[in-house]
Amino acid sequence: MTSYSLDIQPKYRSELLKNVKIFHEECKQFYSDYEQRGPTKPGLTPRESSDRQILFQSRVENLYKKYETYHGGEQLFAIPVTDYPQLDKIKKDLTLLQRLYSLYNKVLDTVAGYFDIAWTDVNIDKINQELSDFQTACRKLPKGLREFPAYHALKKTIDDFSECCPLGIVQVLRNQL
């Protein structure tokens, strides 16, 4: 190593320590925001939870990028590595919630689109296949997601549409037009 690189190492190390301290405070603020305004807050509609999941997913991804940078810096300077288990847990939870809300929004949009189809244009086989695919996807969601209101709303939307609009009757009506 050159004398120059040895001279600047303390500066970079000091800067890293300062940034890690700031990052730690950012994480604490994020944890507080997540607890108070996150997508799992009781009383939210599934659509509100979905919107919040998207916002917090973006925030956690930004924090995680910083974490990876600071983690690498701590290793480089042989500084004890700071762990952020709560950040890891929230990141995993949001990833799971993303699966639920993605399916939830897709089902709502698809079912709403069914009501805009003219009787003569109804494709019974396509609708049956979509509903079957949605039921399968819903069943395959991790068990931990089944406690969320969006899961129950998702399942109810699929089941209600299947029950309220027997597609065999729609087929008969369409053929009589």
N, C-alpha and C. Protein backbone atom coordinates (compact mmCIF):
# COMPACT_ATOMS: atom_id res chain seq x y z
N MET A 1 0.83 -1.18 0.00
CA MET A 1 0.00 0.00 0.00
C MET A 1 0.87 1.24 0.00
N THR A 2 0.39 2.22 -0.65
CA THR A 2 1.13 3.48 -0.69
C THR A 2 0.83 4.28 0.56
N SER A 3 1.68 5.23 0.82
CA SER A 3 1.50 6.11 1.97
C SER A 3 0.19 6.88 1.85
N TYR A 4 -0.17 7.26 0.62
CA TYR A 4 -1.39 8.02 0.39
C TYR A 4 -2.62 7.22 0.83
N SER A 5 -2.69 5.93 0.43
CA SER A 5 -3.87 5.13 0.77
C SER A 5 -3.96 4.91 2.27
N LEU A 6 -2.82 4.80 2.95
CA LEU A 6 -2.84 4.65 4.40
C LEU A 6 -3.30 5.94 5.07
N ASP A 7 -2.99 7.07 4.46
CA ASP A 7 -3.39 8.36 5.02
C ASP A 7 -4.89 8.59 4.93
N ILE A 8 -5.52 8.09 3.87
CA ILE A 8 -6.95 8.36 3.70
C ILE A 8 -7.84 7.31 4.36
N GLN A 9 -7.29 6.16 4.74
CA GLN A 9 -8.11 5.12 5.36
C GLN A 9 -8.83 5.60 6.62
N PRO A 10 -8.15 6.31 7.53
CA PRO A 10 -8.86 6.78 8.72
C PRO A 10 -10.04 7.69 8.37
N LYS A 11 -9.87 8.49 7.32
CA LYS A 11 -10.95 9.38 6.90
C LYS A 11 -12.17 8.56 6.44
N TYR A 12 -11.92 7.55 5.60
CA TYR A 12 -13.03 6.71 5.11
C TYR A 12 -13.66 5.92 6.24
N ARG A 13 -12.84 5.44 7.14
CA ARG A 13 -13.34 4.66 8.28
C ARG A 13 -14.23 5.55 9.15
N SER A 14 -13.77 6.74 9.42
CA SER A 14 -14.54 7.69 10.22
C SER A 14 -15.86 8.03 9.54
N GLU A 15 -15.80 8.25 8.23
CA GLU A 15 -17.01 8.55 7.45
C GLU A 15 -17.99 7.38 7.50
N LEU A 16 -17.47 6.18 7.40
CA LEU A 16 -18.31 4.98 7.47
C LEU A 16 -19.00 4.89 8.82
N LEU A 17 -18.26 5.07 9.88
CA LEU A 17 -18.84 5.00 11.22
C LEU A 17 -19.95 6.04 11.41
N LYS A 18 -19.71 7.24 10.90
CA LYS A 18 -20.71 8.30 10.98
C LYS A 18 -21.97 7.89 10.19
N ASN A 19 -21.78 7.36 8.99
CA ASN A 19 -22.91 6.97 8.15
C ASN A 19 -23.68 5.79 8.75
N VAL A 20 -22.98 4.85 9.37
CA VAL A 20 -23.65 3.71 10.01
C VAL A 20 -24.52 4.21 11.16
N LYS A 21 -24.02 5.16 11.90
CA LYS A 21 -24.79 5.73 13.01
C LYS A 21 -26.06 6.41 12.48
N ILE A 22 -25.93 7.19 11.41
CA ILE A 22 -27.09 7.84 10.78
C ILE A 22 -28.06 6.79 10.25
N PHE A 23 -27.51 5.75 9.63
CA PHE A 23 -28.35 4.68 9.09
C PHE A 23 -29.12 3.99 10.20
N HIS A 24 -28.48 3.76 11.32
CA HIS A 24 -29.14 3.13 12.46
C HIS A 24 -30.37 3.95 12.88
N GLU A 25 -30.22 5.27 12.91
CA GLU A 25 -31.34 6.15 13.26
C GLU A 25 -32.43 6.11 12.19
N GLU A 26 -32.04 6.05 10.92
CA GLU A 26 -33.02 5.94 9.82
C GLU A 26 -33.83 4.66 9.98
N CYS A 27 -33.15 3.58 10.35
CA CYS A 27 -33.84 2.31 10.54
C CYS A 27 -34.83 2.40 11.70
N LYS A 28 -34.41 3.00 12.80
CA LYS A 28 -35.31 3.15 13.94
C LYS A 28 -36.56 3.93 13.55
N GLN A 29 -36.38 4.99 12.76
CA GLN A 29 -37.52 5.78 12.31
C GLN A 29 -38.42 4.94 11.38
N PHE A 30 -37.79 4.17 10.51
CA PHE A 30 -38.56 3.30 9.61
C PHE A 30 -39.36 2.28 10.40
N TYR A 31 -38.75 1.66 11.41
CA TYR A 31 -39.46 0.67 12.22
C TYR A 31 -40.68 1.30 12.89
N SER A 32 -40.50 2.50 13.40
CA SER A 32 -41.60 3.20 14.05
C SER A 32 -42.71 3.51 13.04
N ASP A 33 -42.33 4.02 11.88
CA ASP A 33 -43.31 4.32 10.81
C ASP A 33 -44.05 3.05 10.40
N TYR A 34 -43.32 1.96 10.28
CA TYR A 34 -43.92 0.69 9.86
C TYR A 34 -44.95 0.22 10.87
N GLU A 35 -44.60 0.31 12.14
CA GLU A 35 -45.53 -0.11 13.20
C GLU A 35 -46.78 0.76 13.23
N GLN A 36 -46.60 2.06 13.03
CA GLN A 36 -47.72 3.00 13.15
C GLN A 36 -48.55 3.13 11.86
N ARG A 37 -47.89 2.99 10.70
CA ARG A 37 -48.58 3.26 9.44
C ARG A 37 -48.37 2.20 8.36
N GLY A 38 -47.87 1.05 8.76
CA GLY A 38 -47.56 0.00 7.80
C GLY A 38 -48.78 -0.73 7.28
N PRO A 39 -48.58 -1.63 6.34
CA PRO A 39 -49.70 -2.33 5.71
C PRO A 39 -50.38 -3.36 6.61
N THR A 40 -49.78 -3.68 7.75
CA THR A 40 -50.38 -4.68 8.65
C THR A 40 -51.15 -4.03 9.79
N LYS A 41 -51.27 -2.71 9.75
CA LYS A 41 -52.00 -2.00 10.81
C LYS A 41 -53.47 -2.43 10.77
N PRO A 42 -54.01 -2.84 11.92
CA PRO A 42 -55.42 -3.26 11.96
C PRO A 42 -56.36 -2.14 11.51
N GLY A 43 -57.46 -2.55 10.88
CA GLY A 43 -58.49 -1.61 10.49
C GLY A 43 -58.38 -1.09 9.07
N LEU A 44 -57.31 -1.42 8.37
CA LEU A 44 -57.15 -0.96 7.00
C LEU A 44 -57.95 -1.86 6.05
N THR A 45 -58.46 -1.26 4.99
CA THR A 45 -59.07 -2.08 3.95
C THR A 45 -57.95 -2.78 3.18
N PRO A 46 -58.25 -3.87 2.52
CA PRO A 46 -57.20 -4.53 1.72
C PRO A 46 -56.56 -3.61 0.69
N ARG A 47 -57.33 -2.72 0.09
CA ARG A 47 -56.77 -1.81 -0.91
C ARG A 47 -55.80 -0.82 -0.25
N GLU A 48 -56.17 -0.31 0.93
CA GLU A 48 -55.26 0.59 1.67
C GLU A 48 -53.98 -0.14 2.06
N SER A 49 -54.14 -1.37 2.52
CA SER A 49 -52.97 -2.17 2.89
C SER A 49 -52.07 -2.40 1.69
N SER A 50 -52.67 -2.66 0.55
CA SER A 50 -51.91 -2.88 -0.68
C SER A 50 -51.12 -1.63 -1.05
N ASP A 51 -51.76 -0.48 -0.96
CA ASP A 51 -51.07 0.78 -1.27
C ASP A 51 -49.91 1.02 -0.32
N ARG A 52 -50.13 0.75 0.95
CA ARG A 52 -49.08 0.94 1.95
C ARG A 52 -47.95 -0.07 1.76
N GLN A 53 -48.30 -1.27 1.36
CA GLN A 53 -47.27 -2.29 1.11
C GLN A 53 -46.32 -1.80 0.03
N ILE A 54 -46.85 -1.22 -1.02
CA ILE A 54 -46.03 -0.71 -2.12
C ILE A 54 -45.09 0.40 -1.63
N LEU A 55 -45.63 1.31 -0.83
CA LEU A 55 -44.80 2.41 -0.31
C LEU A 55 -43.69 1.90 0.60
N PHE A 56 -44.04 1.00 1.52
CA PHE A 56 -43.04 0.51 2.46
C PHE A 56 -42.05 -0.44 1.78
N GLN A 57 -42.49 -1.13 0.74
CA GLN A 57 -41.58 -2.00 -0.02
C GLN A 57 -40.47 -1.15 -0.63
N SER A 58 -40.83 -0.02 -1.19
CA SER A 58 -39.85 0.87 -1.79
C SER A 58 -38.87 1.39 -0.73
N ARG A 59 -39.40 1.78 0.42
CA ARG A 59 -38.55 2.29 1.49
C ARG A 59 -37.59 1.22 2.00
N VAL A 60 -38.10 0.01 2.19
CA VAL A 60 -37.24 -1.05 2.73
C VAL A 60 -36.17 -1.43 1.73
N GLU A 61 -36.48 -1.39 0.44
CA GLU A 61 -35.47 -1.69 -0.57
C GLU A 61 -34.35 -0.66 -0.56
N ASN A 62 -34.72 0.62 -0.41
CA ASN A 62 -33.70 1.67 -0.32
C ASN A 62 -32.83 1.50 0.91
N LEU A 63 -33.46 1.20 2.05
CA LEU A 63 -32.68 0.97 3.27
C LEU A 63 -31.77 -0.24 3.13
N TYR A 64 -32.28 -1.27 2.47
CA TYR A 64 -31.50 -2.49 2.34
C TYR A 64 -30.27 -2.27 1.45
N LYS A 65 -30.39 -1.44 0.44
CA LYS A 65 -29.23 -1.11 -0.39
C LYS A 65 -28.16 -0.41 0.45
N LYS A 66 -28.59 0.52 1.30
CA LYS A 66 -27.65 1.19 2.19
C LYS A 66 -27.02 0.19 3.16
N TYR A 67 -27.85 -0.70 3.68
CA TYR A 67 -27.35 -1.72 4.61
C TYR A 67 -26.24 -2.54 3.95
N GLU A 68 -26.46 -2.98 2.73
CA GLU A 68 -25.46 -3.79 2.04
C GLU A 68 -24.15 -3.01 1.84
N THR A 69 -24.27 -1.73 1.54
CA THR A 69 -23.07 -0.89 1.37
C THR A 69 -22.32 -0.77 2.70
N TYR A 70 -23.03 -0.45 3.76
CA TYR A 70 -22.38 -0.27 5.06
C TYR A 70 -21.86 -1.59 5.61
N HIS A 71 -22.57 -2.65 5.36
CA HIS A 71 -22.13 -3.98 5.78
C HIS A 71 -20.78 -4.32 5.13
N GLY A 72 -20.68 -4.06 3.84
CA GLY A 72 -19.43 -4.29 3.12
C GLY A 72 -18.30 -3.42 3.65
N GLY A 73 -18.62 -2.17 3.97
CA GLY A 73 -17.62 -1.26 4.53
C GLY A 73 -17.13 -1.72 5.90
N GLU A 74 -18.06 -2.18 6.72
CA GLU A 74 -17.67 -2.69 8.05
C GLU A 74 -16.74 -3.89 7.91
N GLN A 75 -17.05 -4.76 6.97
CA GLN A 75 -16.17 -5.92 6.74
C GLN A 75 -14.80 -5.47 6.23
N LEU A 76 -14.79 -4.53 5.33
CA LEU A 76 -13.55 -4.04 4.73
C LEU A 76 -12.61 -3.45 5.79
N PHE A 77 -13.18 -2.69 6.71
CA PHE A 77 -12.36 -2.04 7.74
C PHE A 77 -12.26 -2.86 9.02
N ALA A 78 -12.73 -4.11 8.97
CA ALA A 78 -12.67 -5.01 10.13
C ALA A 78 -13.34 -4.41 11.36
N ILE A 79 -14.45 -3.74 11.10
CA ILE A 79 -15.28 -3.17 12.17
C ILE A 79 -16.36 -4.21 12.47
N PRO A 80 -16.75 -4.38 13.73
CA PRO A 80 -17.84 -5.31 14.02
C PRO A 80 -19.06 -4.99 13.15
N VAL A 81 -19.58 -6.01 12.50
CA VAL A 81 -20.70 -5.84 11.58
C VAL A 81 -21.99 -5.63 12.38
N THR A 82 -22.73 -4.61 12.01
CA THR A 82 -24.00 -4.30 12.65
C THR A 82 -25.10 -5.10 11.96
N ASP A 83 -25.86 -5.84 12.75
CA ASP A 83 -26.98 -6.59 12.21
C ASP A 83 -28.27 -5.80 12.40
N TYR A 84 -29.19 -6.02 11.50
CA TYR A 84 -30.48 -5.35 11.54
C TYR A 84 -31.58 -6.40 11.36
N PRO A 85 -31.82 -7.23 12.40
CA PRO A 85 -32.80 -8.31 12.25
C PRO A 85 -34.21 -7.81 11.97
N GLN A 86 -34.56 -6.66 12.53
CA GLN A 86 -35.91 -6.13 12.29
C GLN A 86 -36.06 -5.70 10.83
N LEU A 87 -35.02 -5.15 10.25
CA LEU A 87 -35.05 -4.77 8.84
C LEU A 87 -35.21 -6.02 7.97
N ASP A 88 -34.48 -7.08 8.31
CA ASP A 88 -34.61 -8.35 7.57
C ASP A 88 -36.03 -8.89 7.67
N LYS A 89 -36.60 -8.87 8.86
CA LYS A 89 -37.95 -9.41 9.06
C LYS A 89 -38.98 -8.61 8.27
N ILE A 90 -38.89 -7.30 8.35
CA ILE A 90 -39.85 -6.46 7.62
C ILE A 90 -39.70 -6.67 6.12
N LYS A 91 -38.47 -6.80 5.63
CA LYS A 91 -38.24 -7.04 4.20
C LYS A 91 -38.90 -8.35 3.76
N LYS A 92 -38.73 -9.40 4.57
CA LYS A 92 -39.36 -10.69 4.25
C LYS A 92 -40.88 -10.60 4.31
N ASP A 93 -41.40 -9.93 5.35
CA ASP A 93 -42.85 -9.78 5.47
C ASP A 93 -43.44 -9.03 4.29
N LEU A 94 -42.77 -7.97 3.87
CA LEU A 94 -43.27 -7.18 2.74
C LEU A 94 -43.22 -7.97 1.43
N THR A 95 -42.22 -8.81 1.30
CA THR A 95 -42.13 -9.65 0.10
C THR A 95 -43.30 -10.63 0.05
N LEU A 96 -43.64 -11.21 1.20
CA LEU A 96 -44.81 -12.10 1.27
C LEU A 96 -46.10 -11.33 0.99
N LEU A 97 -46.22 -10.17 1.61
CA LEU A 97 -47.42 -9.37 1.39
C LEU A 97 -47.56 -8.95 -0.06
N GLN A 98 -46.44 -8.74 -0.72
CA GLN A 98 -46.47 -8.37 -2.14
C GLN A 98 -47.14 -9.48 -2.95
N ARG A 99 -46.85 -10.72 -2.61
CA ARG A 99 -47.50 -11.84 -3.31
C ARG A 99 -49.01 -11.80 -3.11
N LEU A 100 -49.43 -11.57 -1.87
CA LEU A 100 -50.86 -11.54 -1.56
C LEU A 100 -51.55 -10.38 -2.29
N TYR A 101 -51.00 -9.18 -2.17
CA TYR A 101 -51.66 -8.01 -2.75
C TYR A 101 -51.59 -8.00 -4.26
N SER A 102 -50.56 -8.58 -4.82
CA SER A 102 -50.47 -8.69 -6.26
C SER A 102 -51.62 -9.56 -6.79
N LEU A 103 -51.82 -10.69 -6.14
CA LEU A 103 -52.93 -11.57 -6.53
C LEU A 103 -54.27 -10.90 -6.25
N TYR A 104 -54.39 -10.26 -5.12
CA TYR A 104 -55.63 -9.58 -4.73
C TYR A 104 -56.02 -8.54 -5.79
N ASN A 105 -55.08 -7.69 -6.16
CA ASN A 105 -55.36 -6.64 -7.15
C ASN A 105 -55.67 -7.23 -8.51
N LYS A 106 -54.96 -8.29 -8.87
CA LYS A 106 -55.22 -8.93 -10.17
C LYS A 106 -56.63 -9.53 -10.21
N VAL A 107 -57.05 -10.16 -9.14
CA VAL A 107 -58.39 -10.75 -9.08
C VAL A 107 -59.44 -9.65 -9.16
N LEU A 108 -59.28 -8.58 -8.39
CA LEU A 108 -60.26 -7.50 -8.42
C LEU A 108 -60.38 -6.89 -9.82
N ASP A 109 -59.25 -6.64 -10.44
CA ASP A 109 -59.26 -6.05 -11.78
C ASP A 109 -59.90 -6.99 -12.79
N THR A 110 -59.57 -8.27 -12.70
CA THR A 110 -60.11 -9.25 -13.64
C THR A 110 -61.62 -9.40 -13.48
N VAL A 111 -62.07 -9.56 -12.23
CA VAL A 111 -63.50 -9.73 -11.98
C VAL A 111 -64.26 -8.47 -12.39
N ALA A 112 -63.71 -7.30 -12.11
CA ALA A 112 -64.37 -6.06 -12.53
C ALA A 112 -64.47 -6.01 -14.06
N GLY A 113 -63.47 -6.52 -14.74
CA GLY A 113 -63.48 -6.55 -16.20
C GLY A 113 -64.55 -7.47 -16.76
N TYR A 114 -64.92 -8.50 -16.01
CA TYR A 114 -65.96 -9.42 -16.47
C TYR A 114 -67.29 -8.69 -16.67
N PHE A 115 -67.55 -7.70 -15.83
CA PHE A 115 -68.83 -7.01 -15.89
C PHE A 115 -68.92 -6.07 -17.10
N ASP A 116 -67.80 -5.83 -17.74
CA ASP A 116 -67.78 -4.96 -18.92
C ASP A 116 -67.89 -5.74 -20.24
N ILE A 117 -67.91 -7.05 -20.14
CA ILE A 117 -67.95 -7.89 -21.34
C ILE A 117 -69.40 -8.01 -21.83
N ALA A 118 -69.62 -7.78 -23.09
CA ALA A 118 -70.96 -7.98 -23.68
C ALA A 118 -71.31 -9.46 -23.63
N TRP A 119 -72.59 -9.76 -23.44
CA TRP A 119 -73.03 -11.16 -23.34
C TRP A 119 -72.54 -12.00 -24.52
N THR A 120 -72.59 -11.42 -25.69
CA THR A 120 -72.22 -12.18 -26.88
C THR A 120 -70.71 -12.45 -26.96
N ASP A 121 -69.93 -11.68 -26.19
CA ASP A 121 -68.48 -11.82 -26.22
C ASP A 121 -67.92 -12.65 -25.06
N VAL A 122 -68.80 -13.15 -24.20
CA VAL A 122 -68.34 -13.90 -23.03
C VAL A 122 -67.65 -15.19 -23.48
N ASN A 123 -66.46 -15.39 -22.96
CA ASN A 123 -65.71 -16.62 -23.24
C ASN A 123 -65.71 -17.45 -21.94
N ILE A 124 -66.66 -18.36 -21.85
CA ILE A 124 -66.88 -19.14 -20.63
C ILE A 124 -65.64 -19.94 -20.25
N ASP A 125 -65.01 -20.57 -21.22
CA ASP A 125 -63.83 -21.39 -20.94
C ASP A 125 -62.71 -20.54 -20.35
N LYS A 126 -62.52 -19.35 -20.91
CA LYS A 126 -61.46 -18.46 -20.42
C LYS A 126 -61.75 -18.03 -18.98
N ILE A 127 -62.99 -17.65 -18.70
CA ILE A 127 -63.37 -17.21 -17.36
C ILE A 127 -63.22 -18.37 -16.36
N ASN A 128 -63.70 -19.54 -16.76
CA ASN A 128 -63.55 -20.72 -15.89
C ASN A 128 -62.08 -20.99 -15.57
N GLN A 129 -61.24 -20.90 -16.57
CA GLN A 129 -59.80 -21.15 -16.37
C GLN A 129 -59.19 -20.10 -15.45
N GLU A 130 -59.55 -18.84 -15.67
CA GLU A 130 -59.02 -17.76 -14.81
C GLU A 130 -59.46 -17.96 -13.36
N LEU A 131 -60.72 -18.27 -13.16
CA LEU A 131 -61.20 -18.49 -11.79
C LEU A 131 -60.50 -19.69 -11.14
N SER A 132 -60.33 -20.72 -11.90
CA SER A 132 -59.61 -21.90 -11.38
C SER A 132 -58.17 -21.56 -11.03
N ASP A 133 -57.52 -20.80 -11.90
CA ASP A 133 -56.14 -20.37 -11.63
C ASP A 133 -56.06 -19.50 -10.38
N PHE A 134 -57.04 -18.61 -10.22
CA PHE A 134 -57.05 -17.75 -9.03
C PHE A 134 -57.27 -18.58 -7.76
N GLN A 135 -58.17 -19.56 -7.82
CA GLN A 135 -58.41 -20.41 -6.65
C GLN A 135 -57.15 -21.18 -6.29
N THR A 136 -56.46 -21.69 -7.28
CA THR A 136 -55.21 -22.43 -7.04
C THR A 136 -54.15 -21.51 -6.45
N ALA A 137 -53.98 -20.33 -7.03
CA ALA A 137 -52.98 -19.38 -6.53
C ALA A 137 -53.30 -18.96 -5.09
N CYS A 138 -54.57 -18.80 -4.80
CA CYS A 138 -54.99 -18.41 -3.46
C CYS A 138 -54.65 -19.53 -2.46
N ARG A 139 -54.92 -20.76 -2.83
CA ARG A 139 -54.61 -21.91 -1.95
C ARG A 139 -53.11 -22.07 -1.74
N LYS A 140 -52.31 -21.68 -2.72
CA LYS A 140 -50.86 -21.86 -2.64
C LYS A 140 -50.14 -20.76 -1.86
N LEU A 141 -50.87 -19.71 -1.47
CA LEU A 141 -50.24 -18.65 -0.68
C LEU A 141 -49.79 -19.23 0.66
N PRO A 142 -48.69 -18.74 1.21
CA PRO A 142 -48.22 -19.24 2.51
C PRO A 142 -49.29 -19.09 3.59
N LYS A 143 -49.33 -20.05 4.50
CA LYS A 143 -50.35 -20.06 5.56
C LYS A 143 -50.33 -18.79 6.39
N GLY A 144 -49.15 -18.20 6.58
CA GLY A 144 -49.04 -16.98 7.38
C GLY A 144 -49.83 -15.81 6.80
N LEU A 145 -50.09 -15.84 5.51
CA LEU A 145 -50.84 -14.75 4.87
C LEU A 145 -52.35 -14.91 5.05
N ARG A 146 -52.77 -16.06 5.48
CA ARG A 146 -54.21 -16.33 5.59
C ARG A 146 -54.87 -15.59 6.74
N GLU A 147 -54.09 -14.96 7.59
CA GLU A 147 -54.66 -14.19 8.69
C GLU A 147 -54.94 -12.74 8.30
N PHE A 148 -54.51 -12.33 7.13
CA PHE A 148 -54.70 -10.94 6.71
C PHE A 148 -56.08 -10.74 6.08
N PRO A 149 -56.69 -9.58 6.33
CA PRO A 149 -58.01 -9.29 5.74
C PRO A 149 -58.02 -9.40 4.22
N ALA A 150 -56.92 -9.05 3.58
CA ALA A 150 -56.88 -9.13 2.11
C ALA A 150 -57.02 -10.57 1.64
N TYR A 151 -56.50 -11.51 2.41
CA TYR A 151 -56.63 -12.92 2.02
C TYR A 151 -58.11 -13.31 2.04
N HIS A 152 -58.80 -12.92 3.11
CA HIS A 152 -60.22 -13.28 3.23
C HIS A 152 -61.05 -12.57 2.16
N ALA A 153 -60.72 -11.32 1.88
CA ALA A 153 -61.42 -10.59 0.82
C ALA A 153 -61.14 -11.21 -0.55
N LEU A 154 -59.91 -11.63 -0.76
CA LEU A 154 -59.53 -12.29 -2.02
C LEU A 154 -60.32 -13.57 -2.21
N LYS A 155 -60.29 -14.42 -1.19
CA LYS A 155 -61.00 -15.70 -1.27
C LYS A 155 -62.49 -15.49 -1.46
N LYS A 156 -63.05 -14.52 -0.73
CA LYS A 156 -64.48 -14.23 -0.84
C LYS A 156 -64.83 -13.73 -2.24
N THR A 157 -64.00 -12.88 -2.81
CA THR A 157 -64.26 -12.36 -4.16
C THR A 157 -64.29 -13.50 -5.17
N ILE A 158 -63.32 -14.38 -5.09
CA ILE A 158 -63.26 -15.52 -6.01
C ILE A 158 -64.47 -16.43 -5.82
N ASP A 159 -64.75 -16.77 -4.56
CA ASP A 159 -65.87 -17.68 -4.26
C ASP A 159 -67.21 -17.06 -4.63
N ASP A 160 -67.38 -15.77 -4.29
CA ASP A 160 -68.65 -15.10 -4.59
C ASP A 160 -68.90 -15.04 -6.09
N PHE A 161 -67.87 -14.73 -6.86
CA PHE A 161 -68.06 -14.65 -8.30
C PHE A 161 -68.39 -16.03 -8.86
N SER A 162 -67.74 -17.04 -8.35
CA SER A 162 -68.01 -18.40 -8.82
C SER A 162 -69.43 -18.83 -8.49
N GLU A 163 -69.92 -18.42 -7.30
CA GLU A 163 -71.26 -18.82 -6.87
C GLU A 163 -72.37 -17.96 -7.47
N CYS A 164 -72.16 -16.66 -7.55
CA CYS A 164 -73.23 -15.76 -7.97
C CYS A 164 -73.47 -15.80 -9.47
N CYS A 165 -72.52 -16.24 -10.17
CA CYS A 165 -72.62 -16.21 -11.62
C CYS A 165 -72.24 -17.57 -12.20
N PRO A 166 -73.07 -18.58 -11.95
CA PRO A 166 -72.74 -19.89 -12.51
C PRO A 166 -72.54 -19.78 -14.02
N LEU A 167 -71.38 -20.14 -14.46
CA LEU A 167 -71.03 -19.90 -15.85
C LEU A 167 -71.81 -20.77 -16.82
N GLY A 168 -72.38 -21.87 -16.34
CA GLY A 168 -73.23 -22.68 -17.20
C GLY A 168 -74.48 -21.92 -17.61
N ILE A 169 -75.05 -21.16 -16.67
CA ILE A 169 -76.24 -20.35 -16.96
C ILE A 169 -75.87 -19.24 -17.93
N VAL A 170 -74.72 -18.63 -17.73
CA VAL A 170 -74.26 -17.58 -18.64
C VAL A 170 -74.13 -18.14 -20.05
N GLN A 171 -73.60 -19.35 -20.15
CA GLN A 171 -73.43 -20.00 -21.46
C GLN A 171 -74.80 -20.17 -22.13
N VAL A 172 -75.80 -20.63 -21.39
CA VAL A 172 -77.15 -20.83 -21.95
C VAL A 172 -77.73 -19.49 -22.39
N LEU A 173 -77.60 -18.48 -21.52
CA LEU A 173 -78.13 -17.15 -21.87
C LEU A 173 -77.46 -16.59 -23.11
N ARG A 174 -76.15 -16.74 -23.18
CA ARG A 174 -75.41 -16.22 -24.31
C ARG A 174 -75.85 -16.91 -25.60
N ASN A 175 -76.07 -18.20 -25.54
CA ASN A 175 -76.45 -18.94 -26.73
C ASN A 175 -77.88 -18.59 -27.20
N GLN A 176 -78.69 -18.05 -26.29
CA GLN A 176 -80.06 -17.69 -26.67
C GLN A 176 -80.12 -16.31 -27.33
N LEU A 177 -79.05 -15.57 -27.27
CA LEU A 177 -79.04 -14.23 -27.88
C LEU A 177 -78.88 -14.28 -29.37
